[in-house]
Amino acid sequence: MSKQVGSAVTRNTVRRRLKAVCAEALPEVRPGADVVIRALPGSAGVDFRQLRAEVSRCLARRAA
């Protein structure tokens, strides 16, 4: 994760949130699909609910 996302504490928070969101969304992804999630600087200011909605929306469009 890029240092543009924020300090080490912020990057780790975003990383933990993304791991939790991905664990929830994994059943939606078709088997064998490769998914890359990139945390942009704006992801540091987004709450968990918004992050989950955005990841789910993107996965539904691309990997389902």
C-alpha atoms as a PDB file:
ATOM      1  CA  MET A   1       0.000   0.000   0.000  1.00  0.00           C
ATOM      2  CA  SER A   2       1.313   3.411  -0.952  1.00  0.00           C
ATOM      3  CA  LYS A   3       2.447   5.973   1.595  1.00  0.00           C
ATOM      4  CA  GLN A   4       0.058   8.374  -0.146  1.00  0.00           C
ATOM      5  CA  VAL A   5      -2.778   6.697   1.758  1.00  0.00           C
ATOM      6  CA  GLY A   6      -1.451   8.142   5.016  1.00  0.00           C
ATOM      7  CA  SER A   7       0.683   7.315   8.013  1.00  0.00           C
ATOM      8  CA  ALA A   8       1.502   3.729   8.972  1.00  0.00           C
ATOM      9  CA  VAL A   9      -1.416   3.667  11.409  1.00  0.00           C
ATOM     10  CA  THR A  10      -3.822   4.863   8.709  1.00  0.00           C
ATOM     11  CA  ARG A  11      -2.475   2.411   6.115  1.00  0.00           C
ATOM     12  CA  ASN A  12      -2.860  -0.477   8.560  1.00  0.00           C
ATOM     13  CA  THR A  13      -6.415   0.584   9.373  1.00  0.00           C
ATOM     14  CA  VAL A  14      -7.303   0.700   5.675  1.00  0.00           C
ATOM     15  CA  ARG A  15      -5.575  -2.663   5.131  1.00  0.00           C
ATOM     16  CA  ARG A  16      -7.546  -4.305   7.962  1.00  0.00           C
ATOM     17  CA  ARG A  17     -10.812  -2.857   6.680  1.00  0.00           C
ATOM     18  CA  LEU A  18     -10.108  -4.069   3.139  1.00  0.00           C
ATOM     19  CA  LYS A  19      -9.236  -7.550   4.411  1.00  0.00           C
ATOM     20  CA  ALA A  20     -12.544  -7.713   6.308  1.00  0.00           C
ATOM     21  CA  VAL A  21     -14.516  -6.439   3.312  1.00  0.00           C
ATOM     22  CA  CYS A  22     -12.828  -8.932   0.992  1.00  0.00           C
ATOM     23  CA  ALA A  23     -13.504 -11.813   3.376  1.00  0.00           C
ATOM     24  CA  GLU A  24     -17.213 -10.908   3.301  1.00  0.00           C
ATOM     25  CA  ALA A  25     -17.277 -10.458  -0.479  1.00  0.00           C
ATOM     26  CA  LEU A  26     -15.324 -13.598  -1.379  1.00  0.00           C
ATOM     27  CA  PRO A  27     -18.434 -15.755  -1.996  1.00  0.00           C
ATOM     28  CA  GLU A  28     -19.561 -13.253  -4.661  1.00  0.00           C
ATOM     29  CA  VAL A  29     -16.404 -13.782  -6.733  1.00  0.00           C
ATOM     30  CA  ARG A  30     -16.494 -16.553  -9.288  1.00  0.00           C
ATOM     31  CA  PRO A  31     -13.931 -19.320  -8.767  1.00  0.00           C
ATOM     32  CA  GLY A  32     -10.665 -18.728 -10.579  1.00  0.00           C
ATOM     33  CA  ALA A  33     -11.128 -14.973 -10.864  1.00  0.00           C
ATOM     34  CA  ASP A  34      -8.152 -12.731 -10.107  1.00  0.00           C
ATOM     35  CA  VAL A  35      -9.003  -9.569  -8.198  1.00  0.00           C
ATOM     36  CA  VAL A  36      -6.666  -6.672  -7.460  1.00  0.00           C
ATOM     37  CA  ILE A  37      -7.759  -3.992  -5.020  1.00  0.00           C
ATOM     38  CA  ARG A  38      -5.782  -0.791  -4.856  1.00  0.00           C
ATOM     39  CA  ALA A  39      -6.221   1.582  -1.944  1.00  0.00           C
ATOM     40  CA  LEU A  40      -6.236   5.164  -3.158  1.00  0.00           C
ATOM     41  CA  PRO A  41      -5.457   8.112  -0.863  1.00  0.00           C
ATOM     42  CA  GLY A  42      -9.164   8.860  -0.435  1.00  0.00           C
ATOM     43  CA  SER A  43      -9.765   5.448   1.131  1.00  0.00           C
ATOM     44  CA  ALA A  44      -8.285   6.698   4.403  1.00  0.00           C
ATOM     45  CA  GLY A  45     -11.237   9.036   4.938  1.00  0.00           C
ATOM     46  CA  VAL A  46     -13.992   6.569   4.075  1.00  0.00           C
ATOM     47  CA  ASP A  47     -15.892   4.689   6.764  1.00  0.00           C
ATOM     48  CA  PHE A  48     -16.252   0.898   6.747  1.00  0.00           C
ATOM     49  CA  ARG A  49     -19.807   0.892   5.391  1.00  0.00           C
ATOM     50  CA  GLN A  50     -18.878   3.013   2.366  1.00  0.00           C
ATOM     51  CA  LEU A  51     -15.761   0.942   1.720  1.00  0.00           C
ATOM     52  CA  ARG A  52     -17.816  -2.266   1.786  1.00  0.00           C
ATOM     53  CA  ALA A  53     -20.402  -0.818  -0.589  1.00  0.00           C
ATOM     54  CA  GLU A  54     -17.753   0.329  -3.059  1.00  0.00           C
ATOM     55  CA  VAL A  55     -15.883  -2.988  -3.084  1.00  0.00           C
ATOM     56  CA  SER A  56     -19.143  -4.935  -3.459  1.00  0.00           C
ATOM     57  CA  ARG A  57     -20.245  -2.687  -6.324  1.00  0.00           C
ATOM     58  CA  CYS A  58     -16.949  -3.138  -8.164  1.00  0.00           C
ATOM     59  CA  LEU A  59     -16.903  -6.894  -7.634  1.00  0.00           C
ATOM     60  CA  ALA A  60     -20.469  -7.216  -8.874  1.00  0.00           C
ATOM     61  CA  ARG A  61     -19.519  -5.381 -12.056  1.00  0.00           C
ATOM     62  CA  ARG A  62     -16.261  -7.173 -12.815  1.00  0.00           C
ATOM     63  CA  ALA A  63     -15.774 -10.524 -11.134  1.00  0.00           C
ATOM     64  CA  ALA A  64     -19.245 -11.952 -10.637  1.00  0.00           C
END
